[in-house]
């Protein structure tokens, strides 16, 4: 796969990447991870980005005990964020180690969000929420070794749920992902991301 991130220069790509293990999550996401972007399945594109970041890929057949014993950061990368730049993933790994905290890639919320209340059993739209205080979870989620050691099993499921569960137990740092690192939720989203990432080349 051709490198579509050659002009991505917000992260120091010459920095040495610390050893880390990583996995691309696709379960529970329907057939969308197998849709094509730039001629590759989303899951294949995400796996390429993970490998190019310097992270050693593993899969869910690897025992959790083995992951803990490695004493390395663990990167969870979502197949639905297939164009996340490798340099951004590497930056998140370095940040997780430097801060000894879980790092979560996020994107700003751009849609209008309103409060919803129920009055006498009837849903009522309330005031518009200030979007500057909101983010949406993207990818990756990076767990430093101490967090890996404190867990009993693989974190799995929706990334927003994983991030929320981790935030209840551990320090979490959010890092804004580039626009091409956005999450896709439909075939239309895939086409939009394909256009955005082509323009970034």
C-alpha atoms as a PDB file:
ATOM      1  CA  UNK A   1       0.000   0.000   0.000  1.00  0.00           C
ATOM      2  CA  UNK A   2       1.411   3.406  -0.963  1.00  0.00           C
ATOM      3  CA  UNK A   3       2.154   5.750   1.947  1.00  0.00           C
ATOM      4  CA  UNK A   4      -0.644   8.372   1.906  1.00  0.00           C
ATOM      5  CA  UNK A   5       0.832  10.294   4.849  1.00  0.00           C
ATOM      6  CA  UNK A   6       4.013  11.715   3.331  1.00  0.00           C
ATOM      7  CA  UNK A   7       2.888  15.297   3.988  1.00  0.00           C
ATOM      8  CA  UNK A   8       1.738  14.648   7.550  1.00  0.00           C
ATOM      9  CA  UNK A   9       4.313  16.691   9.475  1.00  0.00           C
ATOM     10  CA  UNK A  10       2.634  17.596  12.764  1.00  0.00           C
ATOM     11  CA  UNK A  11       4.462  14.782  14.583  1.00  0.00           C
ATOM     12  CA  UNK A  12       8.222  14.227  14.754  1.00  0.00           C
ATOM     13  CA  UNK A  13       8.513  11.158  12.517  1.00  0.00           C
ATOM     14  CA  UNK A  14      12.259  10.848  13.253  1.00  0.00           C
ATOM     15  CA  UNK A  15      11.654  10.136  16.935  1.00  0.00           C
ATOM     16  CA  UNK A  16      12.519   6.637  18.085  1.00  0.00           C
ATOM     17  CA  UNK A  17       9.370   4.606  18.694  1.00  0.00           C
ATOM     18  CA  UNK A  18       9.416   2.583  21.921  1.00  0.00           C
ATOM     19  CA  UNK A  19       8.556  -1.135  21.652  1.00  0.00           C
ATOM     20  CA  UNK A  20       4.807  -1.730  21.812  1.00  0.00           C
ATOM     21  CA  UNK A  21       2.251  -4.408  20.999  1.00  0.00           C
ATOM     22  CA  UNK A  22      -0.951  -3.646  19.134  1.00  0.00           C
ATOM     23  CA  UNK A  23      -4.147  -5.081  17.744  1.00  0.00           C
ATOM     24  CA  UNK A  24      -6.705  -3.965  15.181  1.00  0.00           C
ATOM     25  CA  UNK A  25     -10.250  -4.358  16.513  1.00  0.00           C
ATOM     26  CA  UNK A  26     -12.916  -5.404  14.027  1.00  0.00           C
ATOM     27  CA  UNK A  27     -15.362  -7.521  16.061  1.00  0.00           C
ATOM     28  CA  UNK A  28     -18.848  -6.137  16.611  1.00  0.00           C
ATOM     29  CA  UNK A  29     -18.517  -3.714  13.718  1.00  0.00           C
ATOM     30  CA  UNK A  30     -20.554  -5.610  11.137  1.00  0.00           C
ATOM     31  CA  UNK A  31     -19.251  -5.840   7.590  1.00  0.00           C
ATOM     32  CA  UNK A  32     -17.964  -2.250   7.408  1.00  0.00           C
ATOM     33  CA  UNK A  33     -14.331  -3.175   8.279  1.00  0.00           C
ATOM     34  CA  UNK A  34     -14.268  -5.079   4.970  1.00  0.00           C
ATOM     35  CA  UNK A  35     -15.456  -2.158   2.831  1.00  0.00           C
ATOM     36  CA  UNK A  36     -12.779  -0.850   0.468  1.00  0.00           C
ATOM     37  CA  UNK A  37     -10.818   2.370   0.785  1.00  0.00           C
ATOM     38  CA  UNK A  38      -8.128   3.086  -1.820  1.00  0.00           C
ATOM     39  CA  UNK A  39      -8.635  -0.494  -3.018  1.00  0.00           C
ATOM     40  CA  UNK A  40      -7.944  -2.062   0.402  1.00  0.00           C
ATOM     41  CA  UNK A  41     -10.294  -3.322   3.110  1.00  0.00           C
ATOM     42  CA  UNK A  42     -10.560  -0.907   6.034  1.00  0.00           C
ATOM     43  CA  UNK A  43      -9.142  -3.551   8.375  1.00  0.00           C
ATOM     44  CA  UNK A  44      -6.148  -4.060   6.051  1.00  0.00           C
ATOM     45  CA  UNK A  45      -5.502  -0.311   5.877  1.00  0.00           C
ATOM     46  CA  UNK A  46      -5.701  -0.039   9.679  1.00  0.00           C
ATOM     47  CA  UNK A  47      -3.329  -2.997  10.083  1.00  0.00           C
ATOM     48  CA  UNK A  48      -0.878  -1.360   7.671  1.00  0.00           C
ATOM     49  CA  UNK A  49      -0.937   1.883   9.677  1.00  0.00           C
ATOM     50  CA  UNK A  50      -0.358  -0.003  12.919  1.00  0.00           C
ATOM     51  CA  UNK A  51       2.620  -1.883  11.513  1.00  0.00           C
ATOM     52  CA  UNK A  52       4.117   1.233   9.899  1.00  0.00           C
ATOM     53  CA  UNK A  53       3.966   3.015  13.269  1.00  0.00           C
ATOM     54  CA  UNK A  54       6.532   0.559  14.653  1.00  0.00           C
ATOM     55  CA  UNK A  55       4.016  -1.342  16.782  1.00  0.00           C
ATOM     56  CA  UNK A  56       4.271  -5.152  16.732  1.00  0.00           C
ATOM     57  CA  UNK A  57       0.856  -6.556  15.691  1.00  0.00           C
ATOM     58  CA  UNK A  58      -0.729  -9.362  17.714  1.00  0.00           C
ATOM     59  CA  UNK A  59      -4.244 -10.814  17.688  1.00  0.00           C
ATOM     60  CA  UNK A  60      -6.860 -11.852  20.212  1.00  0.00           C
ATOM     61  CA  UNK A  61      -5.543 -15.438  20.195  1.00  0.00           C
ATOM     62  CA  UNK A  62      -2.493 -14.127  22.076  1.00  0.00           C
ATOM     63  CA  UNK A  63      -2.971 -14.888  25.771  1.00  0.00           C
ATOM     64  CA  UNK A  64      -3.602 -11.919  28.025  1.00  0.00           C
ATOM     65  CA  UNK A  65      -0.952 -13.294  30.370  1.00  0.00           C
ATOM     66  CA  UNK A  66       1.553 -13.070  27.502  1.00  0.00           C
ATOM     67  CA  UNK A  67       0.580  -9.453  26.821  1.00  0.00           C
ATOM     68  CA  UNK A  68       1.081  -8.572  30.497  1.00  0.00           C
ATOM     69  CA  UNK A  69       4.409 -10.414  30.638  1.00  0.00           C
ATOM     70  CA  UNK A  70       5.764  -8.403  27.707  1.00  0.00           C
ATOM     71  CA  UNK A  71       5.668  -5.245  29.884  1.00  0.00           C
ATOM     72  CA  UNK A  72       5.104  -3.081  26.798  1.00  0.00           C
ATOM     73  CA  UNK A  73       2.402  -0.536  25.938  1.00  0.00           C
ATOM     74  CA  UNK A  74      -0.654  -2.033  24.254  1.00  0.00           C
ATOM     75  CA  UNK A  75      -2.207  -0.219  21.289  1.00  0.00           C
ATOM     76  CA  UNK A  76      -5.867  -0.806  20.451  1.00  0.00           C
ATOM     77  CA  UNK A  77      -6.489   0.427  16.913  1.00  0.00           C
ATOM     78  CA  UNK A  78      -9.986   0.513  15.429  1.00  0.00           C
ATOM     79  CA  UNK A  79     -10.600  -0.874  11.941  1.00  0.00           C
ATOM     80  CA  UNK A  80     -13.154   1.928  11.533  1.00  0.00           C
ATOM     81  CA  UNK A  81     -10.343   4.523  11.719  1.00  0.00           C
ATOM     82  CA  UNK A  82      -8.389   3.022   8.803  1.00  0.00           C
ATOM     83  CA  UNK A  83      -6.434   6.079   7.683  1.00  0.00           C
ATOM     84  CA  UNK A  84      -4.991   7.085  11.052  1.00  0.00           C
ATOM     85  CA  UNK A  85      -1.404   8.132  10.258  1.00  0.00           C
ATOM     86  CA  UNK A  86       1.328   5.825  11.589  1.00  0.00           C
ATOM     87  CA  UNK A  87       3.157   8.842  13.015  1.00  0.00           C
ATOM     88  CA  UNK A  88       0.089   9.731  15.078  1.00  0.00           C
ATOM     89  CA  UNK A  89      -0.109   6.200  16.492  1.00  0.00           C
ATOM     90  CA  UNK A  90       3.595   6.351  17.378  1.00  0.00           C
ATOM     91  CA  UNK A  91       3.074   9.754  19.027  1.00  0.00           C
ATOM     92  CA  UNK A  92       0.257   8.303  21.147  1.00  0.00           C
ATOM     93  CA  UNK A  93       2.508   5.426  22.264  1.00  0.00           C
ATOM     94  CA  UNK A  94       5.261   7.840  23.303  1.00  0.00           C
ATOM     95  CA  UNK A  95       2.740  10.040  25.127  1.00  0.00           C
ATOM     96  CA  UNK A  96       1.280   7.085  27.042  1.00  0.00           C
ATOM     97  CA  UNK A  97       4.748   6.167  28.287  1.00  0.00           C
ATOM     98  CA  UNK A  98       5.786   9.746  29.061  1.00  0.00           C
ATOM     99  CA  UNK A  99       2.572  10.478  30.986  1.00  0.00           C
ATOM    100  CA  UNK A 100       2.070   6.953  32.395  1.00  0.00           C
ATOM    101  CA  UNK A 101      -1.553   7.323  31.354  1.00  0.00           C
ATOM    102  CA  UNK A 102      -4.023   5.852  28.916  1.00  0.00           C
ATOM    103  CA  UNK A 103      -3.988   7.874  25.684  1.00  0.00           C
ATOM    104  CA  UNK A 104      -7.125   8.151  23.577  1.00  0.00           C
ATOM    105  CA  UNK A 105      -7.207   9.580  20.055  1.00  0.00           C
ATOM    106  CA  UNK A 106     -10.213  11.903  19.725  1.00  0.00           C
ATOM    107  CA  UNK A 107     -11.859  14.169  17.164  1.00  0.00           C
ATOM    108  CA  UNK A 108     -13.791  17.414  17.783  1.00  0.00           C
ATOM    109  CA  UNK A 109     -17.578  17.125  17.660  1.00  0.00           C
ATOM    110  CA  UNK A 110     -18.904  19.158  14.716  1.00  0.00           C
ATOM    111  CA  UNK A 111     -22.580  18.149  14.719  1.00  0.00           C
ATOM    112  CA  UNK A 112     -25.136  20.142  16.680  1.00  0.00           C
ATOM    113  CA  UNK A 113     -25.873  18.419  19.985  1.00  0.00           C
ATOM    114  CA  UNK A 114     -28.958  19.148  22.089  1.00  0.00           C
ATOM    115  CA  UNK A 115     -30.011  18.068  25.555  1.00  0.00           C
ATOM    116  CA  UNK A 116     -32.913  15.628  25.576  1.00  0.00           C
ATOM    117  CA  UNK A 117     -35.265  15.396  28.549  1.00  0.00           C
ATOM    118  CA  UNK A 118     -38.466  13.453  29.129  1.00  0.00           C
ATOM    119  CA  UNK A 119     -41.510  15.255  30.477  1.00  0.00           C
ATOM    120  CA  UNK A 120     -44.632  13.224  31.240  1.00  0.00           C
ATOM    121  CA  UNK A 121     -43.243  10.442  29.099  1.00  0.00           C
ATOM    122  CA  UNK A 122     -42.671  12.747  26.114  1.00  0.00           C
ATOM    123  CA  UNK A 123     -39.118  13.437  24.816  1.00  0.00           C
ATOM    124  CA  UNK A 124     -38.391  17.187  24.752  1.00  0.00           C
ATOM    125  CA  UNK A 125     -35.407  18.785  23.017  1.00  0.00           C
ATOM    126  CA  UNK A 126     -33.521  21.175  25.238  1.00  0.00           C
ATOM    127  CA  UNK A 127     -30.717  23.674  24.836  1.00  0.00           C
ATOM    128  CA  UNK A 128     -27.833  23.239  22.407  1.00  0.00           C
ATOM    129  CA  UNK A 129     -24.706  21.847  24.069  1.00  0.00           C
ATOM    130  CA  UNK A 130     -21.449  23.786  23.689  1.00  0.00           C
ATOM    131  CA  UNK A 131     -19.517  21.621  21.217  1.00  0.00           C
ATOM    132  CA  UNK A 132     -16.176  22.994  22.378  1.00  0.00           C
ATOM    133  CA  UNK A 133     -16.526  20.847  25.491  1.00  0.00           C
ATOM    134  CA  UNK A 134     -17.178  17.638  23.529  1.00  0.00           C
ATOM    135  CA  UNK A 135     -15.001  15.130  21.704  1.00  0.00           C
ATOM    136  CA  UNK A 136     -15.710  11.857  19.926  1.00  0.00           C
ATOM    137  CA  UNK A 137     -13.475   8.849  20.518  1.00  0.00           C
ATOM    138  CA  UNK A 138     -11.447   7.900  17.445  1.00  0.00           C
ATOM    139  CA  UNK A 139      -8.275   5.761  17.550  1.00  0.00           C
ATOM    140  CA  UNK A 140      -5.925   4.578  18.936  1.00  0.00           C
ATOM    141  CA  UNK A 141      -6.329   3.789  22.619  1.00  0.00           C
ATOM    142  CA  UNK A 142      -2.890   3.169  24.142  1.00  0.00           C
ATOM    143  CA  UNK A 143      -2.469   1.476  27.506  1.00  0.00           C
ATOM    144  CA  UNK A 144       0.861   1.920  29.321  1.00  0.00           C
ATOM    145  CA  UNK A 145       2.358  -1.234  30.867  1.00  0.00           C
ATOM    146  CA  UNK A 146       1.051  -0.467  34.380  1.00  0.00           C
ATOM    147  CA  UNK A 147      -2.527  -0.292  33.086  1.00  0.00           C
ATOM    148  CA  UNK A 148      -2.072  -3.510  31.090  1.00  0.00           C
ATOM    149  CA  UNK A 149      -0.850  -5.232  34.261  1.00  0.00           C
ATOM    150  CA  UNK A 150      -3.887  -4.003  36.218  1.00  0.00           C
ATOM    151  CA  UNK A 151      -6.428  -5.513  33.789  1.00  0.00           C
ATOM    152  CA  UNK A 152      -7.645  -9.099  33.851  1.00  0.00           C
ATOM    153  CA  UNK A 153      -8.444  -9.518  30.146  1.00  0.00           C
ATOM    154  CA  UNK A 154      -8.416  -7.921  26.714  1.00  0.00           C
ATOM    155  CA  UNK A 155     -10.412  -4.681  26.532  1.00  0.00           C
ATOM    156  CA  UNK A 156     -12.985  -5.192  23.782  1.00  0.00           C
ATOM    157  CA  UNK A 157     -16.076  -3.648  22.249  1.00  0.00           C
ATOM    158  CA  UNK A 158     -16.913  -0.098  21.261  1.00  0.00           C
ATOM    159  CA  UNK A 159     -13.963   2.263  21.712  1.00  0.00           C
ATOM    160  CA  UNK A 160     -16.072   4.913  23.477  1.00  0.00           C
ATOM    161  CA  UNK A 161     -17.152   2.281  26.013  1.00  0.00           C
ATOM    162  CA  UNK A 162     -13.553   1.087  26.456  1.00  0.00           C
ATOM    163  CA  UNK A 163     -12.325   4.657  26.956  1.00  0.00           C
ATOM    164  CA  UNK A 164     -15.091   5.353  29.481  1.00  0.00           C
ATOM    165  CA  UNK A 165     -14.363   2.206  31.465  1.00  0.00           C
ATOM    166  CA  UNK A 166     -10.633   2.961  31.546  1.00  0.00           C
ATOM    167  CA  UNK A 167     -11.258   6.582  32.576  1.00  0.00           C
ATOM    168  CA  UNK A 168     -13.124   5.367  35.658  1.00  0.00           C
ATOM    169  CA  UNK A 169     -10.001   3.538  36.853  1.00  0.00           C
ATOM    170  CA  UNK A 170      -6.936   5.236  35.365  1.00  0.00           C
ATOM    171  CA  UNK A 171      -5.629   8.643  34.271  1.00  0.00           C
ATOM    172  CA  UNK A 172      -6.584   9.319  30.655  1.00  0.00           C
ATOM    173  CA  UNK A 173      -5.064  11.827  28.226  1.00  0.00           C
ATOM    174  CA  UNK A 174      -6.947  12.690  25.029  1.00  0.00           C
ATOM    175  CA  UNK A 175      -4.946  13.652  21.932  1.00  0.00           C
ATOM    176  CA  UNK A 176      -6.633  15.179  18.900  1.00  0.00           C
ATOM    177  CA  UNK A 177      -6.322  12.939  15.863  1.00  0.00           C
ATOM    178  CA  UNK A 178      -5.852  14.466  12.394  1.00  0.00           C
ATOM    179  CA  UNK A 179      -8.905  14.743  10.161  1.00  0.00           C
ATOM    180  CA  UNK A 180      -7.933  11.586   8.231  1.00  0.00           C
ATOM    181  CA  UNK A 181      -7.988   9.718  11.543  1.00  0.00           C
ATOM    182  CA  UNK A 182     -11.754  10.091  11.828  1.00  0.00           C
ATOM    183  CA  UNK A 183     -14.059   7.149  12.450  1.00  0.00           C
ATOM    184  CA  UNK A 184     -16.358   5.921   9.700  1.00  0.00           C
ATOM    185  CA  UNK A 185     -19.864   4.654  10.389  1.00  0.00           C
ATOM    186  CA  UNK A 186     -21.265   4.118   6.896  1.00  0.00           C
ATOM    187  CA  UNK A 187     -20.344   3.623   3.246  1.00  0.00           C
ATOM    188  CA  UNK A 188     -20.831   7.382   2.722  1.00  0.00           C
ATOM    189  CA  UNK A 189     -18.307   8.058   5.494  1.00  0.00           C
ATOM    190  CA  UNK A 190     -15.826   5.750   3.770  1.00  0.00           C
ATOM    191  CA  UNK A 191     -16.191   7.646   0.487  1.00  0.00           C
ATOM    192  CA  UNK A 192     -15.683  10.968   2.277  1.00  0.00           C
ATOM    193  CA  UNK A 193     -12.593   9.678   4.098  1.00  0.00           C
ATOM    194  CA  UNK A 194     -11.209   8.325   0.832  1.00  0.00           C
ATOM    195  CA  UNK A 195     -11.528  11.805  -0.709  1.00  0.00           C
ATOM    196  CA  UNK A 196      -9.985  13.511   2.324  1.00  0.00           C
ATOM    197  CA  UNK A 197      -7.032  11.131   2.506  1.00  0.00           C
ATOM    198  CA  UNK A 198      -6.441  11.343  -1.259  1.00  0.00           C
ATOM    199  CA  UNK A 199      -6.292  15.130  -0.968  1.00  0.00           C
ATOM    200  CA  UNK A 200      -3.754  14.792   1.862  1.00  0.00           C
ATOM    201  CA  UNK A 201      -1.299  12.869  -0.331  1.00  0.00           C
END
